[in-house]
Amino acid sequence: MEETVRGESDLEQTGGAPQMGPFQRLVGVLIDPGRTFLSIDRKPTWLFPVIVMVLAVIISNALVADFRIQEARQGIAQNERLTPEQRENIYDRMDEQQAQPFMKLLTYVIGPIVGVLGFIFVISGALYFGGTVMLGGETPFKKVLSVSSWASMVTIPELLLKTPLMLLKKSPQAHISLAALMPSGSEKSLLFNILKHTDLFVIWEITLISMGLAVVYRFTTKKAAGLVIGWYLFYVVLAVAFSMLLGDRLMLG
């Protein structure tokens, strides 16, 4: 990944970036990202992929909702710091919340919308800061936001693979990473928490974002990849430390 991904010189040779509609971009970013990011550089957009991602997350969450509830209840049952009375109180509160229409709306609709928007804007902000302030590049924030949004379309094939796996396993956990090689019962170990961040779809998304940033910033792909990988490793360190320090407290939030 040493060369710049089809930058300004390519535009001059081809007579301009290709014009692509939203559905063409959705497919193109997965199978022909170089050409697609040229189109995105010419006309950055972000709302369509965010809507698609929200809908995909809502559908997947609805399909595995029962398994998530069961996992939460099992975690509570295995928490030795809780008395039987405390467990029953927590179960009762969970049942009451699940019976409330507003809580269902909050969990299955509002939650994914806020979560996806927050994720995209935080990632885009970090990448824009890195590319503009740390590496001295110049590009509008909207182009970085567009790159992040369209690269997130990796979520579609990810959920198409993971959701059936979760349904087959009757569990909300479906690891497509080196963590899948770990023995059962090692989920709370340090190594497991590190290896689960080697997800193949994450690697795919990192690759796409690197290619996109190389186009919109006119960086070499190697330079853009260094920025993206650096931010991801920073996130992994924080996520692993957070998980190991808090453990099952996260579940009880």
Protein backbone atom coordinates (compact mmCIF):
# COMPACT_ATOMS: atom_id res chain seq x y z
CA MET A 1 0.00 0.00 0.00
CA GLU A 2 2.79 2.41 -0.96
CA GLU A 3 1.14 4.44 -3.69
CA THR A 4 -1.44 7.16 -3.55
CA VAL A 5 -4.91 5.87 -4.38
CA ARG A 6 -5.80 7.37 -7.75
CA GLY A 7 -5.51 11.04 -6.88
CA GLU A 8 -5.66 14.23 -8.92
CA SER A 9 -3.49 12.86 -11.75
CA ASP A 10 -6.07 10.10 -12.32
CA LEU A 11 -8.84 12.67 -12.54
CA GLU A 12 -6.98 14.45 -15.29
CA GLN A 13 -6.45 11.19 -17.20
CA THR A 14 -10.05 10.02 -16.92
CA GLY A 15 -11.58 13.44 -17.52
CA GLY A 16 -13.17 13.60 -14.08
CA ALA A 17 -14.36 11.37 -11.28
CA PRO A 18 -17.14 8.88 -12.06
CA GLN A 19 -20.69 9.89 -11.25
CA MET A 20 -22.32 7.26 -9.06
CA GLY A 21 -25.73 7.11 -7.41
CA PRO A 22 -26.22 6.00 -3.78
CA PHE A 23 -26.94 2.35 -4.63
CA GLN A 24 -23.96 2.24 -7.00
CA ARG A 25 -21.78 3.60 -4.19
CA LEU A 26 -23.18 1.08 -1.72
CA VAL A 27 -22.05 -1.81 -3.92
CA GLY A 28 -19.02 -0.03 -5.33
CA VAL A 29 -17.40 0.77 -1.99
CA LEU A 30 -17.29 -2.97 -1.28
CA ILE A 31 -16.13 -4.27 -4.67
CA ASP A 32 -14.50 -1.27 -6.37
CA PRO A 33 -13.50 1.16 -3.59
CA GLY A 34 -10.86 3.06 -5.59
CA ARG A 35 -13.35 4.22 -8.22
CA THR A 36 -16.06 4.79 -5.63
CA PHE A 37 -13.91 7.03 -3.44
CA LEU A 38 -13.09 9.16 -6.49
CA SER A 39 -16.83 9.69 -6.87
CA ILE A 40 -17.14 10.47 -3.15
CA ASP A 41 -14.27 12.95 -3.38
CA ARG A 42 -16.09 14.75 -6.17
CA LYS A 43 -19.48 14.77 -4.42
CA PRO A 44 -19.33 13.78 -0.74
CA THR A 45 -22.51 12.45 0.85
CA TRP A 46 -23.15 10.71 4.15
CA LEU A 47 -26.86 10.52 5.01
CA PHE A 48 -27.79 7.56 2.78
CA PRO A 49 -25.15 5.14 4.15
CA VAL A 50 -25.98 6.19 7.71
CA ILE A 51 -29.68 5.43 7.13
CA VAL A 52 -28.78 2.03 5.63
CA MET A 53 -26.52 1.26 8.58
CA VAL A 54 -29.19 2.25 11.11
CA LEU A 55 -31.81 0.05 9.43
CA ALA A 56 -29.39 -2.90 9.30
CA VAL A 57 -28.55 -2.55 13.00
CA ILE A 58 -32.24 -2.21 13.97
CA ILE A 59 -33.18 -5.38 12.07
CA SER A 60 -30.25 -7.39 13.45
CA ASN A 61 -30.88 -6.22 17.03
CA ALA A 62 -34.57 -7.12 16.77
CA LEU A 63 -33.74 -10.63 15.57
CA VAL A 64 -31.33 -11.38 18.43
CA ALA A 65 -33.03 -9.31 21.14
CA ASP A 66 -34.20 -12.37 23.12
CA PHE A 67 -30.68 -13.77 23.20
CA ARG A 68 -29.28 -10.49 24.52
CA ILE A 69 -31.86 -10.49 27.31
CA GLN A 70 -31.04 -14.11 28.18
CA GLU A 71 -27.33 -13.34 28.27
CA ALA A 72 -27.94 -10.37 30.56
CA ARG A 73 -30.03 -12.50 32.92
CA GLN A 74 -27.35 -15.20 32.96
CA GLY A 75 -24.73 -12.64 33.80
CA ILE A 76 -26.82 -11.40 36.71
CA ALA A 77 -27.36 -14.97 37.92
CA GLN A 78 -23.60 -15.62 37.86
CA ASN A 79 -22.71 -12.43 39.74
CA GLU A 80 -21.74 -13.69 43.19
CA ARG A 81 -21.77 -10.20 44.68
CA LEU A 82 -25.56 -10.02 44.37
CA THR A 83 -27.92 -11.46 46.94
CA PRO A 84 -30.95 -13.47 45.76
CA GLU A 85 -33.16 -10.50 46.65
CA GLN A 86 -31.04 -8.13 44.57
CA ARG A 87 -31.16 -10.49 41.62
CA GLU A 88 -34.95 -10.69 41.80
CA ASN A 89 -35.23 -6.90 41.99
CA ILE A 90 -33.05 -6.55 38.89
CA TYR A 91 -35.09 -9.19 37.04
CA ASP A 92 -38.31 -7.39 37.96
CA ARG A 93 -36.97 -4.07 36.69
CA MET A 94 -35.85 -5.70 33.45
CA ASP A 95 -39.29 -7.27 32.94
CA GLU A 96 -41.02 -3.94 33.61
CA GLN A 97 -38.79 -2.12 31.14
CA GLN A 98 -39.32 -4.73 28.44
CA ALA A 99 -43.09 -4.36 28.81
CA GLN A 100 -43.02 -0.59 28.28
CA PRO A 101 -43.54 0.57 24.64
CA PHE A 102 -41.29 3.60 25.15
CA MET A 103 -38.44 1.44 26.42
CA LYS A 104 -38.79 -0.81 23.38
CA LEU A 105 -38.70 2.25 21.13
CA LEU A 106 -35.67 3.56 23.00
CA THR A 107 -33.84 0.23 22.85
CA TYR A 108 -34.62 -0.91 19.32
CA VAL A 109 -35.00 2.37 17.38
CA ILE A 110 -33.68 5.46 19.16
CA GLY A 111 -30.66 3.63 20.57
CA PRO A 112 -29.36 2.45 17.17
CA ILE A 113 -29.96 5.87 15.61
CA VAL A 114 -28.04 7.70 18.33
CA GLY A 115 -25.38 4.99 18.45
CA VAL A 116 -24.70 4.96 14.71
CA LEU A 117 -24.67 8.77 14.41
CA GLY A 118 -22.41 9.08 17.45
CA PHE A 119 -20.06 6.40 16.12
CA ILE A 120 -19.77 7.96 12.65
CA PHE A 121 -19.23 11.52 13.89
CA VAL A 122 -16.71 10.54 16.58
CA ILE A 123 -14.70 8.44 14.12
CA SER A 124 -14.87 11.18 11.48
CA GLY A 125 -13.81 13.82 14.00
CA ALA A 126 -10.80 11.78 15.11
CA LEU A 127 -9.76 11.10 11.51
CA TYR A 128 -10.21 14.74 10.51
CA PHE A 129 -8.12 15.88 13.48
CA GLY A 130 -5.43 13.35 12.62
CA GLY A 131 -5.37 14.11 8.91
CA THR A 132 -5.60 17.88 9.20
CA VAL A 133 -3.83 18.78 12.46
CA MET A 134 -1.42 15.89 12.99
CA LEU A 135 -0.48 15.19 9.36
CA GLY A 136 -1.02 18.67 7.92
CA GLY A 137 -3.46 17.67 5.19
CA GLU A 138 -6.28 19.79 3.81
CA THR A 139 -9.80 18.65 3.02
CA PRO A 140 -13.32 19.60 4.18
CA PHE A 141 -14.72 17.71 7.16
CA LYS A 142 -17.67 16.64 5.00
CA LYS A 143 -15.35 14.55 2.82
CA VAL A 144 -13.90 12.73 5.83
CA LEU A 145 -17.43 12.20 7.16
CA SER A 146 -18.44 10.82 3.77
CA VAL A 147 -15.48 8.42 3.69
CA SER A 148 -16.29 7.13 7.19
CA SER A 149 -19.99 6.75 6.37
CA TRP A 150 -19.51 4.85 3.13
CA ALA A 151 -16.73 2.67 4.57
CA SER A 152 -19.22 1.65 7.28
CA MET A 153 -21.16 -0.23 4.58
CA VAL A 154 -18.94 -3.15 5.57
CA THR A 155 -21.60 -3.49 8.28
CA ILE A 156 -24.01 -4.94 5.70
CA PRO A 157 -22.05 -8.11 4.81
CA GLU A 158 -20.92 -8.30 8.44
CA LEU A 159 -24.48 -8.48 9.74
CA LEU A 160 -25.53 -10.79 6.90
CA LEU A 161 -22.92 -13.24 8.20
CA LYS A 162 -23.05 -12.66 11.94
CA THR A 163 -26.82 -12.45 12.47
CA PRO A 164 -27.51 -15.99 11.16
CA LEU A 165 -24.58 -17.23 13.26
CA MET A 166 -26.08 -15.62 16.36
CA LEU A 167 -29.46 -17.18 15.58
CA LEU A 168 -27.87 -20.61 15.13
CA LYS A 169 -25.87 -20.31 18.34
CA LYS A 170 -28.79 -18.68 20.16
CA SER A 171 -26.30 -16.16 21.46
CA PRO A 172 -25.57 -12.48 20.72
CA GLN A 173 -21.88 -13.38 20.45
CA ALA A 174 -20.52 -14.27 17.02
CA HIS A 175 -16.80 -13.65 16.67
CA ILE A 176 -15.19 -13.52 13.22
CA SER A 177 -11.76 -12.96 14.72
CA LEU A 178 -8.87 -14.82 16.34
CA ALA A 179 -10.93 -14.81 19.54
CA ALA A 180 -13.03 -17.56 17.97
CA LEU A 181 -10.05 -19.88 18.45
CA MET A 182 -10.01 -19.34 22.20
CA PRO A 183 -11.47 -22.07 24.44
CA SER A 184 -14.90 -21.69 26.00
CA GLY A 185 -14.83 -19.80 29.28
CA SER A 186 -11.96 -17.52 28.31
CA GLU A 187 -14.21 -14.58 27.42
CA LYS A 188 -13.02 -12.51 30.39
CA SER A 189 -9.30 -13.11 29.81
CA LEU A 190 -6.92 -10.40 28.62
CA LEU A 191 -5.93 -12.37 25.51
CA PHE A 192 -9.55 -12.90 24.48
CA ASN A 193 -10.30 -9.19 24.87
CA ILE A 194 -7.34 -8.34 22.66
CA LEU A 195 -8.00 -10.97 20.00
CA LYS A 196 -11.68 -10.05 19.56
CA HIS A 197 -10.50 -6.75 18.07
CA THR A 198 -8.88 -8.61 15.15
CA ASP A 199 -12.29 -8.95 13.52
CA LEU A 200 -11.97 -9.49 9.74
CA PHE A 201 -14.66 -6.92 9.00
CA VAL A 202 -12.85 -4.32 11.11
CA ILE A 203 -9.71 -4.96 9.06
CA TRP A 204 -11.76 -4.54 5.88
CA GLU A 205 -13.23 -1.26 7.14
CA ILE A 206 -9.79 0.04 8.17
CA THR A 207 -8.57 -0.72 4.65
CA LEU A 208 -11.48 1.15 3.07
CA ILE A 209 -11.10 4.19 5.31
CA SER A 210 -7.38 4.30 4.54
CA MET A 211 -8.09 4.23 0.82
CA GLY A 212 -10.75 6.92 1.16
CA LEU A 213 -8.58 9.25 3.21
CA ALA A 214 -5.75 8.82 0.72
CA VAL A 215 -8.10 10.10 -2.00
CA VAL A 216 -9.64 13.06 -0.19
CA TYR A 217 -6.39 14.21 1.48
CA ARG A 218 -4.11 13.32 -1.49
CA PHE A 219 -2.02 11.23 0.91
CA THR A 220 -0.20 8.03 0.06
CA THR A 221 -2.23 5.02 1.16
CA LYS A 222 0.59 4.08 3.53
CA LYS A 223 0.37 7.46 5.26
CA ALA A 224 -3.41 7.29 5.52
CA ALA A 225 -3.26 3.70 6.81
CA GLY A 226 -0.79 4.71 9.49
CA LEU A 227 -3.25 7.31 10.77
CA VAL A 228 -6.23 4.93 10.76
CA ILE A 229 -4.35 2.03 12.34
CA GLY A 230 -2.86 4.34 14.96
CA TRP A 231 -6.29 5.56 16.03
CA TYR A 232 -7.64 1.99 16.05
CA LEU A 233 -4.82 0.71 18.25
CA PHE A 234 -5.46 3.60 20.63
CA TYR A 235 -9.13 2.58 20.77
CA VAL A 236 -8.23 -1.09 21.36
CA VAL A 237 -5.98 -0.20 24.30
CA LEU A 238 -8.76 1.87 25.89
CA ALA A 239 -11.44 -0.74 25.18
CA VAL A 240 -9.41 -3.63 26.60
CA ALA A 241 -8.40 -1.66 29.69
CA PHE A 242 -12.01 -0.55 30.24
CA SER A 243 -13.31 -4.11 29.84
CA MET A 244 -10.71 -5.67 32.14
CA LEU A 245 -11.09 -3.02 34.86
CA LEU A 246 -14.87 -2.99 35.00
CA GLY A 247 -15.67 -6.58 34.05
CA ASP A 248 -19.27 -7.52 34.70
CA ARG A 249 -20.07 -4.07 36.12
CA LEU A 250 -20.64 -2.95 32.54
CA MET A 251 -23.53 -5.33 32.26
CA LEU A 252 -25.22 -3.94 35.34
CA GLY A 253 -24.55 -0.30 34.30
